[in-house]
Amino acid sequence: MEDGGKAAAGLGTLRAVLAILQWWGFNVTVIIMNKWIFQKLDFKFPLTVSCVHFICSSIGAYVAIHVLKAKPLIEVEPEDRWKRIFPMSFVFCINIVLGNVSLRYIPVSFMQTIKSFTPATTVILQWLVWSKHFEWRIWASLVPIVGGILLTSVTELSFHIFGFCAAMVGCLATSTKTILAESLLHGYKFDSINTVYYMAPFATMILALPAMLLEGGGVINWFYIHDSVIPALTIILGSGVLAFCLNFSIFYVIHSTTAVTFNVAGNLKVAVAVLVSWLIFRNPISAMNAIGCGITLVGCTFYGYVRHLISQRQAAAPVNLPRNQMEMLPLVDDKQEKV
């Protein structure tokens, strides 16, 4: 029995490691491919790239649920699709588009560091808008995150104000989506695949017309002037397919790891993305810039750990206080399913 338990534990550890590695692989590859599309292929159309991702994700989610039967379909009433899913899809669309817009103007390393600001924007929005209270350890954990972002921004050698603003507003969009999910999706327990299944078609519908109006002419012109159209289109479509695979990998890693492991792995993933992007694109990074990025990631890890401790304490001894008077947890799950 003891040997059997050790074997099961070893198998579980191996499964978790493999899940994390494939999650890292898909995430870093998608980010690098998007940057490559904007920088090397000179396809500077973030709305169109986002639209391709949404279309591929819509098809992929349909296949995963109806053909592969990877997850059962979570049924949503038609009325709820427009009242609940559509507003979430709108924010989801803005979040993805702004991420791609920022990638066009700023290095991957800088964009990934800014995205780590999301826990801070989530806590601040809930405090300002919903008057929710958090204990001092949550606020203390935000100090290195904010300080690291400031240091990184001030010392960024490839700073671009538009790219920086797009990434920051993207953080707000991510936080808004997380907060809205509590009220709009109340009663539905979506996994990452069902989330994409319902939101990606709406996001495609929202973005298709703006993409055609704002970038259609440029895309057509790109087809005429670009030398190797077929290989370039293969890369663009490949990034869309891998974007869906990333969501599938998130579903796998969430069910293979603990909350603490998921949090640490998520922050290490950012470090891996920064390192790989630097090796490929060789964007200049100063010593202070690297230190700022490191401080931010340490702060995010500390934030996740504090949040996990508080959630365990509240689960063990729930307090019957009004919601706006409780020392509450930010609305970012221990295992946040990022789409």
Protein backbone atom coordinates (compact mmCIF):
# COMPACT_ATOMS: atom_id res chain seq x y z
CA MET A 1 0.00 0.00 0.00
CA GLU A 2 2.84 2.34 0.89
CA ASP A 3 4.58 1.65 -2.42
CA GLY A 4 1.30 2.21 -4.23
CA GLY A 5 0.82 5.57 -2.49
CA LYS A 6 4.34 6.67 -3.39
CA ALA A 7 3.80 5.65 -6.99
CA ALA A 8 0.52 7.58 -7.14
CA ALA A 9 2.17 10.64 -5.59
CA GLY A 10 5.06 10.41 -8.05
CA LEU A 11 2.61 10.11 -10.95
CA GLY A 12 0.69 13.13 -9.68
CA THR A 13 3.89 15.17 -9.44
CA LEU A 14 4.94 14.14 -12.96
CA ARG A 15 1.49 15.06 -14.28
CA ALA A 16 1.69 18.48 -12.61
CA VAL A 17 5.17 19.15 -14.02
CA LEU A 18 4.11 18.16 -17.54
CA ALA A 19 0.97 20.29 -17.26
CA ILE A 20 2.99 23.33 -16.20
CA LEU A 21 5.59 22.80 -18.96
CA GLN A 22 3.00 22.55 -21.72
CA TRP A 23 1.18 25.61 -20.31
CA TRP A 24 4.45 27.56 -20.35
CA GLY A 25 5.18 26.30 -23.85
CA PHE A 26 1.85 27.39 -25.34
CA ASN A 27 1.83 30.74 -23.49
CA VAL A 28 5.37 31.76 -24.44
CA THR A 29 4.93 30.54 -28.02
CA VAL A 30 1.71 32.54 -28.54
CA ILE A 31 3.31 35.71 -27.14
CA ILE A 32 6.46 35.30 -29.23
CA MET A 33 4.47 34.51 -32.38
CA ASN A 34 2.30 37.59 -31.94
CA LYS A 35 5.35 39.79 -31.48
CA TRP A 36 6.97 38.13 -34.51
CA ILE A 37 3.84 38.86 -36.58
CA PHE A 38 3.93 42.55 -35.69
CA GLN A 39 7.69 43.04 -35.84
CA LYS A 40 9.15 40.56 -38.34
CA LEU A 41 6.22 40.00 -40.71
CA ASP A 42 5.33 43.70 -40.58
CA PHE A 43 1.67 42.71 -40.15
CA LYS A 44 0.82 45.66 -37.88
CA PHE A 45 -2.88 44.94 -37.51
CA PRO A 46 -3.68 43.92 -33.91
CA LEU A 47 -7.47 43.98 -34.43
CA THR A 48 -7.20 41.51 -37.32
CA VAL A 49 -4.83 39.25 -35.39
CA SER A 50 -7.23 39.29 -32.42
CA CYS A 51 -10.14 38.46 -34.74
CA VAL A 52 -8.21 35.47 -36.15
CA HIS A 53 -7.60 34.30 -32.57
CA PHE A 54 -11.29 34.57 -31.70
CA ILE A 55 -12.36 32.65 -34.81
CA CYS A 56 -9.84 29.87 -34.16
CA SER A 57 -10.87 29.73 -30.49
CA SER A 58 -14.57 29.53 -31.42
CA ILE A 59 -13.92 26.60 -33.75
CA GLY A 60 -11.54 24.93 -31.29
CA ALA A 61 -13.98 25.19 -28.38
CA TYR A 62 -16.79 23.74 -30.50
CA VAL A 63 -14.61 20.78 -31.52
CA ALA A 64 -13.36 20.23 -27.95
CA ILE A 65 -16.89 20.14 -26.50
CA HIS A 66 -19.02 18.57 -29.26
CA VAL A 67 -16.51 16.35 -31.10
CA LEU A 68 -13.76 15.41 -28.64
CA LYS A 69 -16.12 15.54 -25.63
CA ALA A 70 -13.24 16.96 -23.57
CA LYS A 71 -15.69 18.87 -21.36
CA PRO A 72 -19.48 18.74 -21.05
CA LEU A 73 -21.29 21.79 -22.38
CA ILE A 74 -22.56 24.11 -19.64
CA GLU A 75 -26.03 25.08 -20.80
CA VAL A 76 -26.84 28.81 -20.73
CA GLU A 77 -30.31 30.20 -21.34
CA PRO A 78 -30.60 32.31 -24.54
CA GLU A 79 -31.64 35.35 -22.50
CA ASP A 80 -28.61 34.96 -20.22
CA ARG A 81 -26.31 34.79 -23.23
CA TRP A 82 -27.19 38.37 -24.10
CA LYS A 83 -27.65 39.75 -20.59
CA ARG A 84 -24.67 38.03 -18.97
CA ILE A 85 -22.30 36.55 -21.55
CA PHE A 86 -22.35 39.43 -24.04
CA PRO A 87 -21.15 42.13 -21.57
CA MET A 88 -18.41 39.77 -20.38
CA SER A 89 -17.46 39.07 -23.99
CA PHE A 90 -17.16 42.79 -24.68
CA VAL A 91 -14.69 43.26 -21.83
CA PHE A 92 -12.92 40.01 -22.82
CA CYS A 93 -12.57 41.37 -26.37
CA ILE A 94 -11.11 44.67 -25.15
CA ASN A 95 -8.65 42.80 -22.93
CA ILE A 96 -7.30 40.61 -25.77
CA VAL A 97 -7.16 43.47 -28.28
CA LEU A 98 -5.29 45.77 -25.91
CA GLY A 99 -2.80 43.00 -25.18
CA ASN A 100 -2.07 42.65 -28.89
CA VAL A 101 -1.98 46.43 -29.38
CA SER A 102 0.60 46.78 -26.60
CA LEU A 103 2.70 44.00 -28.15
CA ARG A 104 2.90 45.99 -31.35
CA TYR A 105 4.55 48.95 -29.61
CA ILE A 106 6.48 47.64 -26.60
CA PRO A 107 8.77 44.64 -25.95
CA VAL A 108 7.37 41.38 -24.61
CA SER A 109 9.39 41.80 -21.40
CA PHE A 110 7.81 45.19 -20.63
CA MET A 111 4.30 44.08 -21.59
CA GLN A 112 4.48 40.96 -19.41
CA THR A 113 5.72 42.97 -16.44
CA ILE A 114 2.87 45.47 -16.81
CA LYS A 115 0.32 42.62 -17.00
CA SER A 116 1.57 41.54 -13.58
CA PHE A 117 -0.05 44.74 -12.28
CA THR A 118 -3.49 43.08 -12.58
CA PRO A 119 -3.76 42.00 -8.89
CA ALA A 120 -3.25 45.63 -7.85
CA THR A 121 -5.90 46.99 -10.25
CA THR A 122 -8.34 44.29 -9.12
CA VAL A 123 -7.94 45.14 -5.43
CA ILE A 124 -8.07 48.92 -6.01
CA LEU A 125 -11.18 48.70 -8.23
CA GLN A 126 -13.04 46.60 -5.65
CA TRP A 127 -12.02 49.00 -2.89
CA LEU A 128 -13.00 52.16 -4.81
CA VAL A 129 -16.14 50.98 -6.60
CA TRP A 130 -17.54 48.25 -4.34
CA SER A 131 -16.19 49.57 -1.00
CA LYS A 132 -14.72 46.18 -0.17
CA HIS A 133 -12.24 45.92 2.69
CA PHE A 134 -8.99 43.97 2.62
CA GLU A 135 -6.62 43.25 5.46
CA TRP A 136 -3.23 44.92 5.66
CA ARG A 137 -1.31 41.93 4.31
CA ILE A 138 -3.11 42.20 0.96
CA TRP A 139 -2.22 45.90 0.72
CA ALA A 140 1.36 45.19 1.82
CA SER A 141 1.75 42.58 -0.92
CA LEU A 142 0.81 45.20 -3.53
CA VAL A 143 3.72 47.49 -2.57
CA PRO A 144 6.45 45.51 -4.38
CA ILE A 145 4.14 45.02 -7.38
CA VAL A 146 3.50 48.75 -7.76
CA GLY A 147 7.12 49.63 -6.95
CA GLY A 148 8.45 47.10 -9.45
CA ILE A 149 6.15 48.38 -12.20
CA LEU A 150 7.25 51.98 -11.54
CA LEU A 151 10.94 51.02 -11.61
CA THR A 152 10.50 48.99 -14.78
CA SER A 153 8.56 51.79 -16.53
CA VAL A 154 11.07 54.50 -15.60
CA THR A 155 14.06 52.42 -16.74
CA GLU A 156 12.48 50.84 -19.85
CA LEU A 157 14.79 51.62 -22.79
CA SER A 158 12.10 50.88 -25.41
CA PHE A 159 9.32 52.82 -23.67
CA HIS A 160 6.35 53.77 -25.86
CA ILE A 161 3.54 55.75 -24.25
CA PHE A 162 0.76 54.30 -26.42
CA GLY A 163 1.90 50.71 -25.85
CA PHE A 164 2.26 51.39 -22.11
CA CYS A 165 -1.25 52.88 -21.89
CA ALA A 166 -2.73 49.96 -23.87
CA ALA A 167 -1.14 47.45 -21.50
CA MET A 168 -2.31 49.36 -18.41
CA VAL A 169 -5.89 49.69 -19.68
CA GLY A 170 -5.68 45.99 -20.52
CA CYS A 171 -4.96 45.33 -16.84
CA LEU A 172 -8.07 47.31 -15.93
CA ALA A 173 -10.09 45.33 -18.48
CA THR A 174 -8.82 42.04 -16.98
CA SER A 175 -9.76 43.22 -13.48
CA THR A 176 -13.17 44.43 -14.67
CA LYS A 177 -13.86 41.06 -16.30
CA THR A 178 -12.91 39.27 -13.09
CA ILE A 179 -15.13 41.52 -10.97
CA LEU A 180 -18.10 41.40 -13.37
CA ALA A 181 -17.91 37.61 -13.41
CA GLU A 182 -19.07 37.50 -9.78
CA SER A 183 -22.39 39.17 -10.58
CA LEU A 184 -22.98 38.41 -14.26
CA LEU A 185 -21.98 34.74 -14.17
CA HIS A 186 -23.48 33.96 -10.75
CA GLY A 187 -24.84 30.42 -10.82
CA TYR A 188 -22.62 29.28 -13.70
CA LYS A 189 -19.33 27.49 -13.02
CA PHE A 190 -17.43 27.99 -16.26
CA ASP A 191 -14.15 26.28 -17.01
CA SER A 192 -11.73 27.83 -19.50
CA ILE A 193 -13.09 25.82 -22.47
CA ASN A 194 -16.75 26.70 -21.88
CA THR A 195 -15.72 30.30 -21.30
CA VAL A 196 -14.14 30.42 -24.76
CA TYR A 197 -17.08 28.50 -26.27
CA TYR A 198 -19.53 31.23 -25.28
CA MET A 199 -17.36 34.37 -25.36
CA ALA A 200 -15.21 33.91 -28.47
CA PRO A 201 -18.15 34.00 -30.98
CA PHE A 202 -19.49 37.18 -29.34
CA ALA A 203 -15.99 38.69 -29.36
CA THR A 204 -15.66 37.87 -33.08
CA MET A 205 -18.98 39.56 -33.78
CA ILE A 206 -17.96 42.65 -31.78
CA LEU A 207 -14.54 43.00 -33.39
CA ALA A 208 -15.16 41.97 -37.01
CA LEU A 209 -16.63 45.29 -38.21
CA PRO A 210 -14.06 47.58 -36.49
CA ALA A 211 -11.26 45.35 -37.82
CA MET A 212 -12.56 45.62 -41.38
CA LEU A 213 -13.18 49.36 -41.20
CA LEU A 214 -9.93 50.34 -39.46
CA GLU A 215 -7.51 47.76 -40.85
CA GLY A 216 -9.13 46.25 -43.95
CA GLY A 217 -7.35 48.55 -46.41
CA GLY A 218 -3.99 48.02 -44.72
CA VAL A 219 -4.41 44.23 -44.72
CA ILE A 220 -5.21 44.22 -48.46
CA ASN A 221 -2.19 46.42 -49.14
CA TRP A 222 -0.01 44.09 -47.05
CA PHE A 223 -1.03 41.16 -49.27
CA TYR A 224 0.24 43.05 -52.32
CA ILE A 225 3.57 44.22 -50.92
CA HIS A 226 4.59 41.26 -48.76
CA ASP A 227 6.93 38.79 -50.46
CA SER A 228 6.05 35.50 -48.73
CA VAL A 229 2.31 35.66 -48.10
CA ILE A 230 1.60 31.93 -47.64
CA PRO A 231 4.26 31.31 -44.94
CA ALA A 232 3.21 34.52 -43.20
CA LEU A 233 -0.48 33.52 -43.22
CA THR A 234 0.51 30.11 -41.86
CA ILE A 235 2.20 31.81 -38.90
CA ILE A 236 -0.81 34.11 -38.31
CA LEU A 237 -3.31 31.22 -38.42
CA GLY A 238 -0.93 29.11 -36.33
CA SER A 239 -0.93 31.76 -33.62
CA GLY A 240 -4.73 31.57 -33.56
CA VAL A 241 -4.71 27.77 -33.20
CA LEU A 242 -2.10 27.95 -30.44
CA ALA A 243 -4.14 30.68 -28.68
CA PHE A 244 -6.96 28.16 -28.30
CA CYS A 245 -4.52 25.42 -27.27
CA LEU A 246 -3.34 27.79 -24.54
CA ASN A 247 -6.86 27.87 -23.07
CA PHE A 248 -7.02 24.08 -23.25
CA SER A 249 -3.66 23.85 -21.46
CA ILE A 250 -4.92 26.17 -18.70
CA PHE A 251 -7.83 23.79 -18.08
CA TYR A 252 -5.32 20.92 -17.78
CA VAL A 253 -2.89 22.70 -15.46
CA ILE A 254 -5.66 23.96 -13.15
CA HIS A 255 -6.80 20.40 -12.53
CA SER A 256 -3.26 19.07 -12.05
CA THR A 257 -1.76 21.52 -9.53
CA THR A 258 -2.49 23.12 -6.18
CA ALA A 259 -3.38 26.81 -5.87
CA VAL A 260 0.07 27.74 -4.54
CA THR A 261 1.85 25.80 -7.29
CA PHE A 262 -0.35 27.45 -9.92
CA ASN A 263 0.46 30.91 -8.55
CA VAL A 264 4.24 30.32 -8.45
CA ALA A 265 4.22 28.66 -11.88
CA GLY A 266 2.28 31.61 -13.30
CA ASN A 267 4.89 34.09 -12.12
CA LEU A 268 7.78 31.90 -13.29
CA LYS A 269 6.02 31.74 -16.65
CA VAL A 270 6.37 35.51 -16.96
CA ALA A 271 10.10 35.21 -16.25
CA VAL A 272 10.42 32.49 -18.91
CA ALA A 273 8.54 34.65 -21.45
CA VAL A 274 10.79 37.62 -20.70
CA LEU A 275 13.95 35.53 -21.08
CA VAL A 276 12.86 33.81 -24.31
CA SER A 277 11.68 37.07 -25.89
CA TRP A 278 15.01 38.70 -25.07
CA LEU A 279 16.92 35.79 -26.61
CA ILE A 280 14.88 36.10 -29.82
CA PHE A 281 14.33 39.85 -30.25
CA ARG A 282 17.34 41.13 -28.27
CA ASN A 283 15.47 44.20 -27.03
CA PRO A 284 17.73 46.22 -24.69
CA ILE A 285 17.14 45.58 -20.97
CA SER A 286 19.02 47.59 -18.37
CA ALA A 287 20.07 46.17 -15.01
CA MET A 288 17.55 48.35 -13.14
CA ASN A 289 14.84 47.27 -15.58
CA ALA A 290 15.55 43.61 -14.84
CA ILE A 291 15.53 44.34 -11.09
CA GLY A 292 12.14 46.08 -11.44
CA CYS A 293 10.73 43.07 -13.28
CA GLY A 294 12.09 40.74 -10.58
CA ILE A 295 10.58 42.84 -7.77
CA THR A 296 7.20 42.77 -9.52
CA LEU A 297 7.25 38.98 -9.88
CA VAL A 298 8.28 38.49 -6.25
CA GLY A 299 5.42 40.80 -5.23
CA CYS A 300 2.94 38.79 -7.32
CA THR A 301 4.14 35.56 -5.72
CA PHE A 302 3.83 37.07 -2.23
CA TYR A 303 0.35 38.39 -3.08
CA GLY A 304 -0.76 34.92 -4.21
CA TYR A 305 0.65 33.32 -1.07
CA VAL A 306 -1.05 35.85 1.24
CA ARG A 307 -4.30 35.41 -0.62
CA HIS A 308 -4.08 31.64 -0.24
CA LEU A 309 -3.45 31.90 3.53
CA ILE A 310 -6.44 34.22 3.99
CA SER A 311 -8.72 31.96 1.94
CA GLN A 312 -7.73 28.98 4.09
CA ARG A 313 -8.40 30.95 7.28
CA GLN A 314 -11.81 32.13 6.06
CA ALA A 315 -12.76 28.61 4.99
CA ALA A 316 -11.87 27.30 8.46
CA ALA A 317 -13.62 30.08 10.42
CA PRO A 318 -16.21 32.01 8.37
CA VAL A 319 -17.26 35.33 9.84
CA ASN A 320 -20.89 36.45 9.72
CA LEU A 321 -20.40 40.10 8.84
CA PRO A 322 -21.95 42.29 6.16
CA ARG A 323 -20.06 41.85 2.88
CA ASN A 324 -18.86 45.46 2.73
CA GLN A 325 -17.48 45.24 6.28
CA MET A 326 -15.55 42.02 5.83
CA GLU A 327 -11.85 41.74 5.19
CA MET A 328 -12.45 40.19 1.82
CA LEU A 329 -10.41 38.40 -0.78
CA PRO A 330 -9.87 40.04 -4.15
CA LEU A 331 -12.02 38.50 -6.85
CA VAL A 332 -9.13 36.65 -8.42
CA ASP A 333 -9.45 32.91 -7.94
CA ASP A 334 -6.62 30.95 -6.36
CA LYS A 335 -6.57 29.21 -9.70
CA GLN A 336 -7.50 32.00 -12.04
CA GLU A 337 -8.53 30.69 -15.45
CA LYS A 338 -6.95 33.20 -17.81
CA VAL A 339 -8.34 33.36 -21.28
